[in-house]
């Protein structure tokens, strides 16, 4: 179904779209420039702090623990209801 839609485009248009997407993925954005300008003169610690690396890892752990708690309490509640 999706293949039919892709085949329906003109080849030149499809090639241009793919090339534009690749170019946009290769070029650095504002976040890369911010991290580079902070990390190069002040060192890698400041660069990682600017990127939010630690906060992303922290929130990932919190999200995992939140889901784990929901699964455990959901299982306990189900067991109490069944009993």
N, C-alpha and C. Protein backbone atom coordinates (compact mmCIF):
# COMPACT_ATOMS: atom_id res chain seq x y z
N UNK A 1 0.82 -1.19 0.00
CA UNK A 1 0.00 0.00 0.00
C UNK A 1 0.87 1.26 0.00
N UNK A 2 1.84 1.31 0.91
CA UNK A 2 2.74 2.46 0.95
C UNK A 2 3.64 2.45 -0.28
N UNK A 3 4.01 1.27 -0.73
CA UNK A 3 4.85 1.17 -1.91
C UNK A 3 4.14 1.75 -3.14
N UNK A 4 2.83 1.54 -3.22
CA UNK A 4 2.07 2.11 -4.33
C UNK A 4 2.11 3.64 -4.31
N UNK A 5 2.05 4.21 -3.11
CA UNK A 5 2.11 5.67 -2.99
C UNK A 5 3.48 6.17 -3.40
N UNK A 6 4.53 5.49 -2.96
CA UNK A 6 5.90 5.91 -3.31
C UNK A 6 6.14 5.79 -4.80
N UNK A 7 5.66 4.71 -5.41
CA UNK A 7 5.85 4.51 -6.85
C UNK A 7 5.08 5.56 -7.64
N UNK A 8 4.00 6.10 -7.07
CA UNK A 8 3.19 7.09 -7.76
C UNK A 8 3.89 8.43 -7.96
N UNK A 9 4.93 8.72 -7.22
CA UNK A 9 5.66 9.97 -7.38
C UNK A 9 6.56 9.91 -8.61
N UNK A 10 6.85 11.07 -9.15
CA UNK A 10 7.82 11.15 -10.25
C UNK A 10 9.20 10.82 -9.69
N UNK A 11 10.01 10.10 -10.45
CA UNK A 11 11.34 9.73 -9.95
C UNK A 11 12.22 10.92 -9.60
N UNK A 12 12.16 11.99 -10.36
CA UNK A 12 12.99 13.16 -10.07
C UNK A 12 12.58 13.80 -8.75
N UNK A 13 11.27 13.85 -8.50
CA UNK A 13 10.77 14.42 -7.25
C UNK A 13 11.19 13.56 -6.05
N UNK A 14 11.10 12.25 -6.22
CA UNK A 14 11.48 11.33 -5.14
C UNK A 14 12.98 11.42 -4.83
N UNK A 15 13.80 11.49 -5.85
CA UNK A 15 15.25 11.60 -5.66
C UNK A 15 15.59 12.93 -4.98
N UNK A 16 14.93 14.01 -5.42
CA UNK A 16 15.16 15.31 -4.79
C UNK A 16 14.76 15.32 -3.33
N UNK A 17 13.66 14.66 -3.00
CA UNK A 17 13.22 14.58 -1.61
C UNK A 17 14.21 13.80 -0.74
N UNK A 18 14.69 12.68 -1.27
CA UNK A 18 15.65 11.87 -0.52
C UNK A 18 16.96 12.63 -0.32
N UNK A 19 17.45 13.31 -1.36
CA UNK A 19 18.68 14.08 -1.23
C UNK A 19 18.53 15.23 -0.23
N UNK A 20 17.37 15.91 -0.27
CA UNK A 20 17.14 17.00 0.69
C UNK A 20 17.11 16.47 2.12
N UNK A 21 16.48 15.31 2.33
CA UNK A 21 16.46 14.72 3.66
C UNK A 21 17.83 14.34 4.16
N UNK A 22 18.66 13.78 3.28
CA UNK A 22 20.02 13.43 3.67
C UNK A 22 20.85 14.66 4.01
N UNK A 23 20.71 15.71 3.22
CA UNK A 23 21.46 16.94 3.49
C UNK A 23 21.04 17.55 4.83
N UNK A 24 19.73 17.55 5.10
CA UNK A 24 19.26 18.10 6.37
C UNK A 24 19.73 17.27 7.57
N UNK A 25 19.87 15.97 7.39
CA UNK A 25 20.36 15.13 8.48
C UNK A 25 21.84 15.30 8.73
N UNK A 26 22.59 15.64 7.70
CA UNK A 26 24.04 15.78 7.85
C UNK A 26 24.41 17.13 8.47
N UNK A 27 23.70 18.19 8.13
CA UNK A 27 24.07 19.53 8.60
C UNK A 27 23.78 19.68 10.09
N UNK A 28 24.67 20.33 10.83
CA UNK A 28 24.44 20.52 12.26
C UNK A 28 23.39 21.58 12.51
N UNK A 29 22.63 21.38 13.57
CA UNK A 29 21.60 22.33 13.94
C UNK A 29 22.04 23.24 15.07
N UNK A 30 21.09 23.98 15.60
CA UNK A 30 21.39 24.93 16.66
C UNK A 30 21.86 24.23 17.93
N UNK A 31 21.28 23.05 18.23
CA UNK A 31 21.69 22.34 19.45
C UNK A 31 23.15 21.89 19.37
N UNK A 32 23.57 21.44 18.19
CA UNK A 32 24.96 21.03 18.01
C UNK A 32 25.91 22.21 18.19
N UNK A 33 25.53 23.35 17.65
CA UNK A 33 26.37 24.55 17.77
C UNK A 33 26.46 24.99 19.23
N UNK A 34 25.34 24.95 19.96
CA UNK A 34 25.35 25.32 21.38
C UNK A 34 26.26 24.39 22.18
N UNK A 35 26.13 23.10 21.97
CA UNK A 35 26.95 22.13 22.72
C UNK A 35 28.42 22.29 22.37
N UNK A 36 28.72 22.51 21.08
CA UNK A 36 30.11 22.68 20.66
C UNK A 36 30.73 23.94 21.26
N UNK A 37 29.99 25.05 21.22
CA UNK A 37 30.55 26.30 21.74
C UNK A 37 30.69 26.27 23.25
N UNK A 38 29.93 25.43 23.93
CA UNK A 38 30.09 25.30 25.38
C UNK A 38 31.16 24.28 25.73
N UNK A 39 31.24 23.20 24.96
CA UNK A 39 32.14 22.11 25.30
C UNK A 39 33.57 22.31 24.87
N UNK A 40 33.80 22.99 23.77
CA UNK A 40 35.18 23.15 23.29
C UNK A 40 36.01 24.00 24.23
N UNK A 41 35.58 25.20 24.62
CA UNK A 41 36.45 25.99 25.51
C UNK A 41 36.43 25.54 26.96
N UNK A 42 35.30 24.99 27.43
CA UNK A 42 35.16 24.67 28.86
C UNK A 42 35.38 23.20 29.18
N UNK A 43 35.47 22.36 28.20
CA UNK A 43 35.75 20.96 28.44
C UNK A 43 34.53 20.07 28.24
N UNK A 44 34.79 18.76 28.23
CA UNK A 44 33.71 17.82 27.94
C UNK A 44 32.62 17.76 29.01
N UNK A 45 32.96 18.02 30.26
CA UNK A 45 31.92 17.99 31.31
C UNK A 45 30.86 19.05 31.06
N UNK A 46 31.30 20.24 30.73
CA UNK A 46 30.35 21.33 30.46
C UNK A 46 29.56 21.02 29.19
N UNK A 47 30.22 20.45 28.21
CA UNK A 47 29.53 20.08 26.98
C UNK A 47 28.44 19.06 27.23
N UNK A 48 28.73 18.05 28.05
CA UNK A 48 27.72 17.04 28.37
C UNK A 48 26.61 17.63 29.22
N UNK A 49 26.96 18.53 30.12
CA UNK A 49 25.92 19.18 30.94
C UNK A 49 25.02 20.05 30.07
N UNK A 50 25.60 20.71 29.09
CA UNK A 50 24.81 21.54 28.19
C UNK A 50 23.89 20.69 27.33
N UNK A 51 24.35 19.53 26.93
CA UNK A 51 23.54 18.67 26.07
C UNK A 51 22.38 18.04 26.82
N UNK A 52 22.42 18.06 28.13
CA UNK A 52 21.34 17.44 28.89
C UNK A 52 21.50 15.94 28.98
N UNK A 53 22.70 15.45 28.76
CA UNK A 53 22.94 14.00 28.77
C UNK A 53 22.53 13.38 30.09
N UNK A 54 22.92 14.01 31.18
CA UNK A 54 22.62 13.45 32.49
C UNK A 54 21.14 13.55 32.81
N UNK A 55 20.52 14.67 32.44
CA UNK A 55 19.09 14.81 32.72
C UNK A 55 18.28 13.83 31.88
N UNK A 56 18.70 13.58 30.63
CA UNK A 56 17.99 12.60 29.81
C UNK A 56 18.10 11.21 30.43
N UNK A 57 19.28 10.86 30.90
CA UNK A 57 19.46 9.55 31.53
C UNK A 57 18.63 9.46 32.82
N UNK A 58 18.60 10.54 33.58
CA UNK A 58 17.82 10.55 34.81
C UNK A 58 16.34 10.35 34.53
N UNK A 59 15.81 11.09 33.56
CA UNK A 59 14.38 10.97 33.25
C UNK A 59 14.06 9.61 32.64
N UNK A 60 14.99 9.01 31.92
CA UNK A 60 14.76 7.66 31.40
C UNK A 60 14.65 6.66 32.54
N UNK A 61 15.51 6.81 33.56
CA UNK A 61 15.43 5.92 34.73
C UNK A 61 14.13 6.13 35.49
N UNK A 62 13.73 7.37 35.65
CA UNK A 62 12.48 7.67 36.35
C UNK A 62 11.30 7.07 35.60
N UNK A 63 11.30 7.20 34.28
CA UNK A 63 10.21 6.63 33.48
C UNK A 63 10.17 5.13 33.57
N UNK A 64 11.34 4.48 33.57
CA UNK A 64 11.39 3.03 33.69
C UNK A 64 10.86 2.59 35.05
N UNK A 65 11.31 3.28 36.11
CA UNK A 65 10.85 2.91 37.44
C UNK A 65 9.35 3.16 37.60
N UNK A 66 8.85 4.22 36.96
CA UNK A 66 7.42 4.51 37.01
C UNK A 66 6.63 3.37 36.37
N UNK A 67 7.07 2.90 35.22
CA UNK A 67 6.38 1.81 34.54
C UNK A 67 6.51 0.51 35.33
N UNK A 68 7.68 0.26 35.90
CA UNK A 68 7.88 -0.95 36.69
C UNK A 68 6.97 -0.95 37.91
N UNK A 69 6.85 0.20 38.57
CA UNK A 69 5.96 0.31 39.72
C UNK A 69 4.52 0.08 39.32
N UNK A 70 4.10 0.65 38.19
CA UNK A 70 2.73 0.45 37.73
C UNK A 70 2.46 -1.01 37.43
N UNK A 71 3.43 -1.71 36.85
CA UNK A 71 3.24 -3.13 36.55
C UNK A 71 3.13 -3.93 37.84
N UNK A 72 4.01 -3.65 38.80
CA UNK A 72 3.98 -4.40 40.06
C UNK A 72 2.69 -4.15 40.83
N UNK A 73 2.30 -2.86 40.95
CA UNK A 73 1.07 -2.57 41.69
C UNK A 73 -0.16 -3.05 40.94
N UNK A 74 -0.11 -3.02 39.62
CA UNK A 74 -1.22 -3.56 38.83
C UNK A 74 -1.37 -5.04 39.05
N UNK A 75 -0.25 -5.75 39.12
CA UNK A 75 -0.30 -7.18 39.38
C UNK A 75 -0.81 -7.48 40.79
N UNK A 76 -0.36 -6.69 41.77
CA UNK A 76 -0.85 -6.89 43.13
C UNK A 76 -2.34 -6.60 43.25
N UNK A 77 -2.79 -5.54 42.61
CA UNK A 77 -4.21 -5.19 42.66
C UNK A 77 -5.04 -6.27 41.98
N UNK A 78 -4.57 -6.80 40.88
CA UNK A 78 -5.29 -7.87 40.19
C UNK A 78 -5.36 -9.11 41.06
N UNK A 79 -4.27 -9.40 41.72
CA UNK A 79 -4.26 -10.58 42.60
C UNK A 79 -5.21 -10.41 43.77
N UNK A 80 -5.27 -9.21 44.33
CA UNK A 80 -6.20 -8.95 45.44
C UNK A 80 -7.65 -9.04 44.97
N UNK A 81 -7.92 -8.55 43.76
CA UNK A 81 -9.29 -8.61 43.25
C UNK A 81 -9.69 -10.06 42.97
N UNK A 82 -8.77 -10.84 42.42
CA UNK A 82 -9.09 -12.24 42.12
C UNK A 82 -9.31 -13.04 43.40
N UNK A 83 -8.51 -12.76 44.41
CA UNK A 83 -8.66 -13.51 45.67
C UNK A 83 -9.90 -13.03 46.37
